[in-house]
């Protein structure tokens, strides 16, 4: 439940319905099934928080969908690693729980999910450890990122498009974490 009024789907106007349909069409398949124990994203969850401004819903979630595009360099596992690390770092219950579940669905690796939950990156490849540390650095204090950090990502095999994708995914999840926490989603 959110702390502000949201518009139920049964009362949605055309703009809201179109925004919901268009953002939902961009979601990865792992998001099709709701996460047990959390509010439905469209009824009481994160999507509903945007229901009073359908254009914002459209643009915010279209950005998210574009960043998950399988034609971009980072894969689904890396998307969810970033989302989970950022959400854990921010202590955002709704996003931490949901993205641990999505990481589980993507990888089928319960040990990985448990390790990420406690901040243990040791079983990841060196490149994925760097990816996760960079997402955490963006979250904690992006002003501390230097050109050397970008060079280290390049040396680990990430091209500039992957670095941009990593940066945008981490930044987007910082945005959505703050929306969830500020409006009481699953708190």
N, C-alpha and C. Protein backbone atom coordinates (compact mmCIF):
# COMPACT_ATOMS: atom_id res chain seq x y z
N UNK A 1 0.84 -1.18 0.00
CA UNK A 1 0.00 0.00 0.00
C UNK A 1 0.89 1.24 0.00
N UNK A 2 0.50 2.24 -0.74
CA UNK A 2 1.24 3.50 -0.76
C UNK A 2 0.57 4.51 0.16
N UNK A 3 1.31 5.55 0.51
CA UNK A 3 0.81 6.57 1.41
C UNK A 3 0.07 7.68 0.68
N UNK A 4 0.03 7.61 -0.66
CA UNK A 4 -0.76 8.57 -1.41
C UNK A 4 -1.87 7.82 -2.14
N UNK A 5 -2.85 8.57 -2.57
CA UNK A 5 -3.93 7.98 -3.35
C UNK A 5 -3.37 7.51 -4.68
N UNK A 6 -3.80 6.36 -5.12
CA UNK A 6 -3.46 5.87 -6.45
C UNK A 6 -4.76 5.57 -7.18
N UNK A 7 -4.67 5.50 -8.47
CA UNK A 7 -5.86 5.25 -9.28
C UNK A 7 -5.94 3.76 -9.58
N UNK A 8 -7.01 3.10 -9.12
CA UNK A 8 -7.16 1.67 -9.44
C UNK A 8 -7.34 1.49 -10.95
N UNK A 9 -6.91 0.36 -11.43
CA UNK A 9 -7.01 0.07 -12.87
C UNK A 9 -8.46 0.20 -13.36
N UNK A 10 -9.42 -0.14 -12.50
CA UNK A 10 -10.84 -0.07 -12.86
C UNK A 10 -11.32 1.37 -13.07
N UNK A 11 -10.56 2.34 -12.57
CA UNK A 11 -10.92 3.75 -12.72
C UNK A 11 -9.96 4.51 -13.63
N UNK A 12 -9.07 3.78 -14.27
CA UNK A 12 -8.03 4.41 -15.09
C UNK A 12 -8.60 5.02 -16.36
N UNK A 13 -8.08 6.19 -16.72
CA UNK A 13 -8.45 6.79 -17.99
C UNK A 13 -7.55 6.21 -19.09
N UNK A 14 -7.79 6.64 -20.32
CA UNK A 14 -7.04 6.09 -21.45
C UNK A 14 -5.54 6.34 -21.33
N UNK A 15 -5.16 7.52 -20.86
CA UNK A 15 -3.73 7.85 -20.74
C UNK A 15 -3.04 6.90 -19.76
N UNK A 16 -3.69 6.65 -18.62
CA UNK A 16 -3.11 5.77 -17.62
C UNK A 16 -3.05 4.33 -18.14
N UNK A 17 -4.14 3.87 -18.76
CA UNK A 17 -4.15 2.50 -19.30
C UNK A 17 -3.08 2.32 -20.38
N UNK A 18 -2.94 3.31 -21.25
CA UNK A 18 -1.90 3.23 -22.29
C UNK A 18 -0.50 3.22 -21.68
N UNK A 19 -0.29 4.04 -20.66
CA UNK A 19 1.02 4.07 -20.01
C UNK A 19 1.32 2.73 -19.35
N UNK A 20 0.32 2.14 -18.69
CA UNK A 20 0.53 0.83 -18.06
C UNK A 20 0.82 -0.24 -19.10
N UNK A 21 0.06 -0.26 -20.17
CA UNK A 21 0.27 -1.26 -21.24
C UNK A 21 1.66 -1.11 -21.87
N UNK A 22 2.03 0.12 -22.18
CA UNK A 22 3.30 0.32 -22.86
C UNK A 22 4.49 -0.04 -21.96
N UNK A 23 4.44 0.30 -20.68
CA UNK A 23 5.54 -0.04 -19.79
C UNK A 23 5.58 -1.54 -19.54
N UNK A 24 4.42 -2.16 -19.41
CA UNK A 24 4.38 -3.60 -19.15
C UNK A 24 4.93 -4.40 -20.33
N UNK A 25 4.73 -3.92 -21.53
CA UNK A 25 5.22 -4.61 -22.72
C UNK A 25 6.75 -4.65 -22.77
N UNK A 26 7.41 -3.74 -22.09
CA UNK A 26 8.87 -3.68 -22.08
C UNK A 26 9.51 -4.52 -20.98
N UNK A 27 8.71 -5.03 -20.06
CA UNK A 27 9.24 -5.77 -18.91
C UNK A 27 9.89 -7.08 -19.33
N UNK A 28 10.95 -7.46 -18.65
CA UNK A 28 11.50 -8.80 -18.84
C UNK A 28 10.49 -9.86 -18.39
N UNK A 29 10.59 -11.05 -18.94
CA UNK A 29 9.61 -12.11 -18.64
C UNK A 29 9.57 -12.47 -17.16
N UNK A 30 10.68 -12.30 -16.44
CA UNK A 30 10.72 -12.64 -15.02
C UNK A 30 9.77 -11.78 -14.19
N UNK A 31 9.33 -10.67 -14.74
CA UNK A 31 8.46 -9.75 -14.02
C UNK A 31 6.98 -10.09 -14.22
N UNK A 32 6.68 -11.07 -15.05
CA UNK A 32 5.29 -11.41 -15.35
C UNK A 32 4.51 -11.84 -14.10
N UNK A 33 5.16 -12.66 -13.28
CA UNK A 33 4.51 -13.16 -12.09
C UNK A 33 4.85 -12.26 -10.91
N UNK A 34 3.84 -11.89 -10.13
CA UNK A 34 4.07 -11.03 -8.97
C UNK A 34 4.97 -11.72 -7.95
N UNK A 35 5.61 -10.95 -7.12
CA UNK A 35 6.48 -11.48 -6.07
C UNK A 35 5.63 -11.72 -4.82
N UNK A 36 5.61 -12.95 -4.33
CA UNK A 36 4.81 -13.24 -3.13
C UNK A 36 5.21 -12.36 -1.95
N UNK A 37 4.20 -11.88 -1.23
CA UNK A 37 4.46 -11.06 -0.05
C UNK A 37 4.61 -9.58 -0.31
N UNK A 38 4.61 -9.18 -1.59
CA UNK A 38 4.71 -7.76 -1.93
C UNK A 38 3.42 -7.32 -2.63
N UNK A 39 3.10 -6.03 -2.53
CA UNK A 39 1.91 -5.55 -3.23
C UNK A 39 2.09 -5.67 -4.74
N UNK A 40 1.00 -5.85 -5.44
CA UNK A 40 1.04 -5.89 -6.89
C UNK A 40 1.59 -4.57 -7.41
N UNK A 41 2.53 -4.64 -8.34
CA UNK A 41 3.16 -3.41 -8.83
C UNK A 41 2.14 -2.48 -9.48
N UNK A 42 1.11 -3.04 -10.11
CA UNK A 42 0.12 -2.21 -10.78
C UNK A 42 -1.01 -1.76 -9.86
N UNK A 43 -1.26 -2.46 -8.76
CA UNK A 43 -2.37 -2.12 -7.88
C UNK A 43 -1.94 -1.26 -6.70
N UNK A 44 -0.95 -1.69 -5.98
CA UNK A 44 -0.52 -0.98 -4.77
C UNK A 44 0.97 -0.72 -4.76
N UNK A 45 1.67 -1.08 -5.81
CA UNK A 45 3.12 -1.04 -5.80
C UNK A 45 3.70 0.14 -6.54
N UNK A 46 4.87 -0.08 -7.06
CA UNK A 46 5.67 1.01 -7.62
C UNK A 46 5.05 1.65 -8.85
N UNK A 47 4.43 0.86 -9.72
CA UNK A 47 3.79 1.44 -10.90
C UNK A 47 2.62 2.33 -10.46
N UNK A 48 1.85 1.86 -9.51
CA UNK A 48 0.68 2.62 -9.03
C UNK A 48 1.08 3.97 -8.45
N UNK A 49 2.28 4.08 -7.90
CA UNK A 49 2.70 5.36 -7.33
C UNK A 49 2.74 6.46 -8.38
N UNK A 50 2.85 6.07 -9.64
CA UNK A 50 2.91 7.04 -10.74
C UNK A 50 1.54 7.30 -11.38
N UNK A 51 0.50 6.68 -10.86
CA UNK A 51 -0.81 6.70 -11.54
C UNK A 51 -1.44 8.08 -11.65
N UNK A 52 -1.11 8.99 -10.77
CA UNK A 52 -1.69 10.34 -10.83
C UNK A 52 -1.05 11.19 -11.92
N UNK A 53 0.09 10.74 -12.45
CA UNK A 53 0.77 11.45 -13.54
C UNK A 53 1.17 10.40 -14.59
N UNK A 54 0.20 9.95 -15.42
CA UNK A 54 0.47 8.89 -16.38
C UNK A 54 1.65 9.16 -17.32
N UNK A 55 1.87 10.41 -17.68
CA UNK A 55 2.99 10.71 -18.57
C UNK A 55 4.33 10.40 -17.88
N UNK A 56 4.40 10.68 -16.58
CA UNK A 56 5.62 10.33 -15.82
C UNK A 56 5.78 8.81 -15.75
N UNK A 57 4.68 8.10 -15.54
CA UNK A 57 4.72 6.64 -15.53
C UNK A 57 5.29 6.14 -16.86
N UNK A 58 4.74 6.66 -17.94
CA UNK A 58 5.20 6.23 -19.27
C UNK A 58 6.69 6.47 -19.45
N UNK A 59 7.15 7.66 -19.17
CA UNK A 59 8.55 7.99 -19.42
C UNK A 59 9.50 7.26 -18.46
N UNK A 60 9.15 7.21 -17.20
CA UNK A 60 10.02 6.54 -16.22
C UNK A 60 10.18 5.06 -16.56
N UNK A 61 9.08 4.40 -16.83
CA UNK A 61 9.15 2.95 -17.06
C UNK A 61 9.55 2.60 -18.49
N UNK A 62 9.35 3.51 -19.43
CA UNK A 62 9.89 3.29 -20.78
C UNK A 62 11.41 3.33 -20.73
N UNK A 63 11.95 4.21 -19.91
CA UNK A 63 13.40 4.26 -19.72
C UNK A 63 13.89 2.94 -19.14
N UNK A 64 13.22 2.46 -18.10
CA UNK A 64 13.57 1.18 -17.51
C UNK A 64 13.55 0.07 -18.57
N UNK A 65 12.47 0.00 -19.33
CA UNK A 65 12.35 -1.04 -20.36
C UNK A 65 13.45 -0.94 -21.40
N UNK A 66 13.77 0.27 -21.81
CA UNK A 66 14.84 0.46 -22.81
C UNK A 66 16.18 -0.04 -22.28
N UNK A 67 16.42 0.15 -21.00
CA UNK A 67 17.69 -0.27 -20.41
C UNK A 67 17.81 -1.79 -20.28
N UNK A 68 16.68 -2.50 -20.30
CA UNK A 68 16.67 -3.96 -20.20
C UNK A 68 16.72 -4.62 -21.58
N UNK A 69 16.83 -3.83 -22.63
CA UNK A 69 16.83 -4.34 -23.99
C UNK A 69 17.90 -5.42 -24.17
N UNK A 70 17.52 -6.60 -24.65
CA UNK A 70 18.51 -7.68 -24.83
C UNK A 70 19.55 -7.40 -25.91
N UNK A 71 19.35 -6.38 -26.72
CA UNK A 71 20.33 -6.02 -27.74
C UNK A 71 21.46 -5.15 -27.19
N UNK A 72 21.33 -4.72 -25.94
CA UNK A 72 22.39 -3.94 -25.30
C UNK A 72 23.41 -4.91 -24.68
N UNK A 73 24.59 -4.43 -24.32
CA UNK A 73 25.67 -5.33 -23.91
C UNK A 73 25.43 -6.14 -22.62
N UNK A 74 24.81 -5.55 -21.61
CA UNK A 74 24.64 -6.27 -20.35
C UNK A 74 23.51 -7.29 -20.47
N UNK A 75 23.70 -8.43 -19.81
CA UNK A 75 22.68 -9.49 -19.91
C UNK A 75 21.70 -9.41 -18.74
N UNK A 76 20.66 -10.24 -18.77
CA UNK A 76 19.61 -10.20 -17.75
C UNK A 76 20.17 -10.43 -16.35
N UNK A 77 21.11 -11.33 -16.22
CA UNK A 77 21.72 -11.59 -14.92
C UNK A 77 22.37 -10.32 -14.40
N UNK A 78 23.10 -9.62 -15.25
CA UNK A 78 23.76 -8.38 -14.84
C UNK A 78 22.76 -7.29 -14.51
N UNK A 79 21.66 -7.22 -15.26
CA UNK A 79 20.61 -6.24 -14.93
C UNK A 79 20.15 -6.42 -13.49
N UNK A 80 19.85 -7.69 -13.16
CA UNK A 80 19.32 -7.96 -11.82
C UNK A 80 20.39 -7.87 -10.74
N UNK A 81 21.63 -8.16 -11.08
CA UNK A 81 22.71 -7.92 -10.12
C UNK A 81 22.75 -6.44 -9.75
N UNK A 82 22.71 -5.59 -10.76
CA UNK A 82 22.75 -4.14 -10.51
C UNK A 82 21.54 -3.72 -9.68
N UNK A 83 20.34 -4.12 -10.11
CA UNK A 83 19.12 -3.73 -9.41
C UNK A 83 19.13 -4.19 -7.96
N UNK A 84 19.60 -5.40 -7.74
CA UNK A 84 19.63 -5.95 -6.38
C UNK A 84 20.67 -5.25 -5.53
N UNK A 85 21.86 -5.04 -6.06
CA UNK A 85 22.91 -4.37 -5.30
C UNK A 85 22.48 -2.95 -4.92
N UNK A 86 21.93 -2.21 -5.86
CA UNK A 86 21.48 -0.84 -5.57
C UNK A 86 20.38 -0.85 -4.52
N UNK A 87 19.40 -1.72 -4.68
CA UNK A 87 18.27 -1.77 -3.75
C UNK A 87 18.70 -2.21 -2.36
N UNK A 88 19.63 -3.18 -2.29
CA UNK A 88 20.17 -3.61 -1.00
C UNK A 88 20.94 -2.47 -0.34
N UNK A 89 21.74 -1.79 -1.13
CA UNK A 89 22.55 -0.67 -0.63
C UNK A 89 21.65 0.43 -0.05
N UNK A 90 20.52 0.66 -0.70
CA UNK A 90 19.58 1.68 -0.24
C UNK A 90 18.63 1.19 0.85
N UNK A 91 18.69 -0.12 1.17
CA UNK A 91 17.81 -0.72 2.18
C UNK A 91 16.33 -0.54 1.83
N UNK A 92 16.03 -0.59 0.55
CA UNK A 92 14.65 -0.42 0.08
C UNK A 92 13.98 -1.79 0.06
N UNK A 93 13.10 -2.03 1.02
CA UNK A 93 12.48 -3.35 1.19
C UNK A 93 11.80 -3.82 -0.09
N UNK A 94 10.91 -3.01 -0.65
CA UNK A 94 10.14 -3.43 -1.82
C UNK A 94 11.06 -3.86 -2.96
N UNK A 95 12.04 -3.04 -3.29
CA UNK A 95 12.92 -3.34 -4.42
C UNK A 95 13.94 -4.42 -4.08
N UNK A 96 14.43 -4.46 -2.84
CA UNK A 96 15.37 -5.51 -2.45
C UNK A 96 14.71 -6.88 -2.55
N UNK A 97 13.54 -7.01 -1.98
CA UNK A 97 12.84 -8.30 -2.00
C UNK A 97 12.49 -8.69 -3.44
N UNK A 98 11.94 -7.75 -4.19
CA UNK A 98 11.51 -8.10 -5.56
C UNK A 98 12.69 -8.43 -6.46
N UNK A 99 13.78 -7.67 -6.35
CA UNK A 99 14.90 -7.93 -7.26
C UNK A 99 15.75 -9.12 -6.84
N UNK A 100 15.76 -9.47 -5.57
CA UNK A 100 16.37 -10.75 -5.19
C UNK A 100 15.57 -11.88 -5.83
N UNK A 101 14.25 -11.76 -5.81
CA UNK A 101 13.41 -12.79 -6.44
C UNK A 101 13.64 -12.82 -7.95
N UNK A 102 13.73 -11.67 -8.59
CA UNK A 102 13.96 -11.66 -10.04
C UNK A 102 15.34 -12.22 -10.37
N UNK A 103 16.35 -11.93 -9.54
CA UNK A 103 17.68 -12.51 -9.73
C UNK A 103 17.60 -14.04 -9.60
N UNK A 104 16.83 -14.50 -8.64
CA UNK A 104 16.62 -15.95 -8.46
C UNK A 104 15.96 -16.54 -9.70
N UNK A 105 14.96 -15.86 -10.23
CA UNK A 105 14.26 -16.36 -11.42
C UNK A 105 15.18 -16.38 -12.64
N UNK A 106 16.03 -15.37 -12.77
CA UNK A 106 16.94 -15.28 -13.92
C UNK A 106 18.02 -16.35 -13.84
N UNK A 107 18.57 -16.56 -12.64
CA UNK A 107 19.74 -17.43 -12.51
C UNK A 107 19.42 -18.83 -11.99
N UNK A 108 18.34 -18.97 -11.24
CA UNK A 108 18.05 -20.24 -10.58
C UNK A 108 19.08 -20.56 -9.50
N UNK A 109 19.82 -19.56 -9.05
CA UNK A 109 20.95 -19.75 -8.14
C UNK A 109 20.65 -19.14 -6.78
N UNK A 110 20.10 -19.95 -5.88
CA UNK A 110 19.74 -19.48 -4.54
C UNK A 110 20.97 -19.01 -3.75
N UNK A 111 22.10 -19.71 -3.92
CA UNK A 111 23.33 -19.33 -3.21
C UNK A 111 23.80 -17.94 -3.64
N UNK A 112 23.70 -17.65 -4.93
CA UNK A 112 24.07 -16.32 -5.43
C UNK A 112 23.18 -15.26 -4.81
N UNK A 113 21.88 -15.49 -4.79
CA UNK A 113 20.94 -14.52 -4.23
C UNK A 113 21.25 -14.28 -2.75
N UNK A 114 21.48 -15.35 -2.01
CA UNK A 114 21.81 -15.22 -0.59
C UNK A 114 23.12 -14.45 -0.39
N UNK A 115 24.10 -14.71 -1.24
CA UNK A 115 25.38 -14.00 -1.13
C UNK A 115 25.20 -12.51 -1.41
N UNK A 116 24.47 -12.18 -2.46
CA UNK A 116 24.24 -10.77 -2.80
C UNK A 116 23.48 -10.08 -1.67
N UNK A 117 22.56 -10.79 -1.06
CA UNK A 117 21.77 -10.21 0.03
C UNK A 117 22.67 -9.73 1.18
N UNK A 118 23.76 -10.44 1.43
CA UNK A 118 24.66 -10.06 2.52
C UNK A 118 25.90 -9.32 2.03
N UNK A 119 25.92 -8.97 0.73
CA UNK A 119 27.02 -8.19 0.20
C UNK A 119 28.26 -8.99 -0.17
N UNK A 120 28.13 -10.30 -0.29
CA UNK A 120 29.27 -11.16 -0.64
C UNK A 120 29.34 -11.32 -2.16
N UNK A 121 30.35 -10.71 -2.77
CA UNK A 121 30.54 -10.78 -4.21
C UNK A 121 31.61 -11.79 -4.62
N UNK A 122 32.14 -12.52 -3.68
CA UNK A 122 33.33 -13.34 -3.92
C UNK A 122 33.14 -14.44 -4.96
N UNK A 123 31.92 -14.91 -5.16
CA UNK A 123 31.70 -15.98 -6.13
C UNK A 123 31.38 -15.47 -7.53
N UNK A 124 31.38 -14.16 -7.70
CA UNK A 124 31.16 -13.57 -9.02
C UNK A 124 32.47 -13.51 -9.78
N UNK A 125 32.38 -13.44 -11.08
CA UNK A 125 33.57 -13.22 -11.89
C UNK A 125 34.16 -11.86 -11.52
N UNK A 126 35.45 -11.65 -11.78
CA UNK A 126 36.04 -10.33 -11.49
C UNK A 126 35.29 -9.19 -12.19
N UNK A 127 34.84 -9.43 -13.42
CA UNK A 127 34.11 -8.38 -14.15
C UNK A 127 32.79 -8.06 -13.46
N UNK A 128 32.05 -9.10 -13.02
CA UNK A 128 30.78 -8.85 -12.35
C UNK A 128 30.97 -8.27 -10.96
N UNK A 129 32.07 -8.61 -10.29
CA UNK A 129 32.37 -7.95 -9.01
C UNK A 129 32.57 -6.46 -9.24
N UNK A 130 33.30 -6.12 -10.28
CA UNK A 130 33.55 -4.71 -10.59
C UNK A 130 32.24 -4.01 -10.95
N UNK A 131 31.40 -4.66 -11.73
CA UNK A 131 30.08 -4.13 -12.10
C UNK A 131 29.28 -3.80 -10.85
N UNK A 132 29.23 -4.75 -9.90
CA UNK A 132 28.47 -4.55 -8.67
C UNK A 132 29.08 -3.46 -7.79
N UNK A 133 30.39 -3.44 -7.69
CA UNK A 133 31.04 -2.39 -6.89
C UNK A 133 30.80 -1.01 -7.50
N UNK A 134 30.78 -0.95 -8.82
CA UNK A 134 30.53 0.33 -9.48
C UNK A 134 29.09 0.78 -9.23
N UNK A 135 28.14 -0.15 -9.30
CA UNK A 135 26.74 0.19 -9.01
C UNK A 135 26.60 0.69 -7.58
N UNK A 136 27.33 0.07 -6.66
CA UNK A 136 27.30 0.51 -5.27
C UNK A 136 27.94 1.90 -5.12
N UNK A 137 29.01 2.13 -5.84
CA UNK A 137 29.67 3.44 -5.76
C UNK A 137 28.75 4.54 -6.31
N UNK A 138 28.04 4.26 -7.38
CA UNK A 138 27.05 5.21 -7.91
C UNK A 138 26.02 5.51 -6.83
N UNK A 139 25.59 4.48 -6.13
CA UNK A 139 24.55 4.61 -5.11
C UNK A 139 25.03 5.38 -3.88
N UNK A 140 26.20 5.06 -3.41
CA UNK A 140 26.70 5.66 -2.17
C UNK A 140 27.16 7.11 -2.36
N UNK A 141 27.89 7.38 -3.44
CA UNK A 141 28.38 8.74 -3.69
C UNK A 141 29.00 8.80 -5.08
N UNK A 142 28.20 9.11 -6.06
CA UNK A 142 28.66 9.14 -7.45
C UNK A 142 29.75 10.19 -7.68
N UNK A 143 29.86 11.15 -6.78
CA UNK A 143 30.92 12.16 -6.95
C UNK A 143 32.30 11.56 -6.74
N UNK A 144 32.36 10.37 -6.18
CA UNK A 144 33.65 9.71 -5.94
C UNK A 144 34.11 8.87 -7.14
N UNK A 145 33.29 8.78 -8.16
CA UNK A 145 33.68 8.05 -9.37
C UNK A 145 34.67 8.90 -10.15
N UNK A 146 35.73 8.24 -10.61
CA UNK A 146 36.78 8.93 -11.35
C UNK A 146 36.94 8.31 -12.73
N UNK A 147 37.71 8.96 -13.54
CA UNK A 147 38.02 8.42 -14.86
C UNK A 147 38.71 7.06 -14.72
N UNK A 148 39.48 6.88 -13.67
CA UNK A 148 40.15 5.59 -13.42
C UNK A 148 39.12 4.47 -13.23
N UNK A 149 38.00 4.78 -12.58
CA UNK A 149 36.94 3.77 -12.42
C UNK A 149 36.42 3.32 -13.78
N UNK A 150 36.26 4.28 -14.67
CA UNK A 150 35.77 3.97 -16.02
C UNK A 150 36.81 3.14 -16.76
N UNK A 151 38.07 3.50 -16.61
CA UNK A 151 39.14 2.72 -17.25
C UNK A 151 39.17 1.29 -16.73
N UNK A 152 38.95 1.11 -15.44
CA UNK A 152 38.92 -0.24 -14.87
C UNK A 152 37.77 -1.06 -15.46
N UNK A 153 36.63 -0.42 -15.66
CA UNK A 153 35.52 -1.12 -16.30
C UNK A 153 35.89 -1.53 -17.72
N UNK A 154 36.52 -0.63 -18.46
CA UNK A 154 36.96 -0.96 -19.82
C UNK A 154 37.94 -2.13 -19.80
N UNK A 155 38.91 -2.08 -18.88
CA UNK A 155 39.91 -3.15 -18.79
C UNK A 155 39.26 -4.49 -18.44
N UNK A 156 38.12 -4.46 -17.76
CA UNK A 156 37.40 -5.68 -17.40
C UNK A 156 36.53 -6.19 -18.55
N UNK A 157 36.51 -5.45 -19.67
CA UNK A 157 35.78 -5.91 -20.84
C UNK A 157 34.49 -5.18 -21.14
N UNK A 158 34.16 -4.15 -20.38
CA UNK A 158 32.95 -3.38 -20.63
C UNK A 158 33.26 -2.27 -21.62
N UNK A 159 32.51 -2.22 -22.71
CA UNK A 159 32.69 -1.12 -23.65
C UNK A 159 31.91 0.10 -23.15
N UNK A 160 32.00 1.21 -23.86
CA UNK A 160 31.36 2.44 -23.39
C UNK A 160 29.84 2.32 -23.34
N UNK A 161 29.25 1.57 -24.26
CA UNK A 161 27.80 1.39 -24.21
C UNK A 161 27.41 0.59 -22.97
N UNK A 162 28.18 -0.43 -22.61
CA UNK A 162 27.91 -1.20 -21.40
C UNK A 162 28.09 -0.33 -20.15
N UNK A 163 29.10 0.52 -20.15
CA UNK A 163 29.33 1.42 -19.01
C UNK A 163 28.16 2.39 -18.87
N UNK A 164 27.68 2.91 -19.98
CA UNK A 164 26.51 3.78 -19.93
C UNK A 164 25.30 3.01 -19.44
N UNK A 165 25.09 1.80 -19.96
CA UNK A 165 23.95 1.00 -19.53
C UNK A 165 24.02 0.72 -18.03
N UNK A 166 25.18 0.33 -17.54
CA UNK A 166 25.38 0.11 -16.11
C UNK A 166 25.03 1.36 -15.31
N UNK A 167 25.54 2.49 -15.74
CA UNK A 167 25.31 3.75 -15.05
C UNK A 167 23.82 4.11 -15.04
N UNK A 168 23.17 3.95 -16.16
CA UNK A 168 21.74 4.30 -16.25
C UNK A 168 20.87 3.35 -15.44
N UNK A 169 21.18 2.05 -15.46
CA UNK A 169 20.39 1.10 -14.66
C UNK A 169 20.56 1.41 -13.17
N UNK A 170 21.80 1.58 -12.73
CA UNK A 170 22.03 1.90 -11.31
C UNK A 170 21.33 3.20 -10.93
N UNK A 171 21.42 4.20 -11.78
CA UNK A 171 20.79 5.49 -11.49
C UNK A 171 19.27 5.37 -11.48
N UNK A 172 18.72 4.61 -12.41
CA UNK A 172 17.27 4.43 -12.46
C UNK A 172 16.79 3.74 -11.19
N UNK A 173 17.52 2.72 -10.75
CA UNK A 173 17.09 2.04 -9.53
C UNK A 173 17.24 2.91 -8.29
N UNK A 174 18.21 3.80 -8.28
CA UNK A 174 18.27 4.77 -7.18
C UNK A 174 17.02 5.64 -7.20
N UNK A 175 16.60 6.06 -8.38
CA UNK A 175 15.36 6.85 -8.51
C UNK A 175 14.16 6.06 -7.97
N UNK A 176 13.98 4.85 -8.46
CA UNK A 176 12.77 4.10 -8.11
C UNK A 176 12.80 3.66 -6.64
N UNK A 177 14.00 3.41 -6.09
CA UNK A 177 14.11 3.11 -4.66
C UNK A 177 13.60 4.29 -3.84
N UNK A 178 13.98 5.49 -4.25
CA UNK A 178 13.57 6.67 -3.49
C UNK A 178 12.07 6.92 -3.61
N UNK A 179 11.50 6.64 -4.77
CA UNK A 179 10.04 6.75 -4.92
C UNK A 179 9.36 5.76 -3.98
N UNK A 180 9.81 4.50 -4.01
CA UNK A 180 9.18 3.47 -3.16
C UNK A 180 9.27 3.85 -1.69
N UNK A 181 10.44 4.24 -1.24
CA UNK A 181 10.61 4.58 0.18
C UNK A 181 9.86 5.85 0.56
N UNK A 182 9.87 6.85 -0.31
CA UNK A 182 9.23 8.13 0.01
C UNK A 182 7.71 8.05 0.04
N UNK A 183 7.16 7.06 -0.68
CA UNK A 183 5.69 6.95 -0.73
C UNK A 183 5.16 5.71 -0.02
N UNK A 184 6.03 5.03 0.73
CA UNK A 184 5.58 3.95 1.59
C UNK A 184 5.25 2.64 0.91
N UNK A 185 5.82 2.37 -0.26
CA UNK A 185 5.52 1.12 -0.95
C UNK A 185 6.12 -0.05 -0.14
N UNK A 186 5.25 -0.89 0.38
CA UNK A 186 5.63 -2.12 1.12
C UNK A 186 6.54 -1.85 2.31
N UNK A 187 6.32 -0.76 2.99
CA UNK A 187 7.14 -0.47 4.19
C UNK A 187 6.44 -0.92 5.43
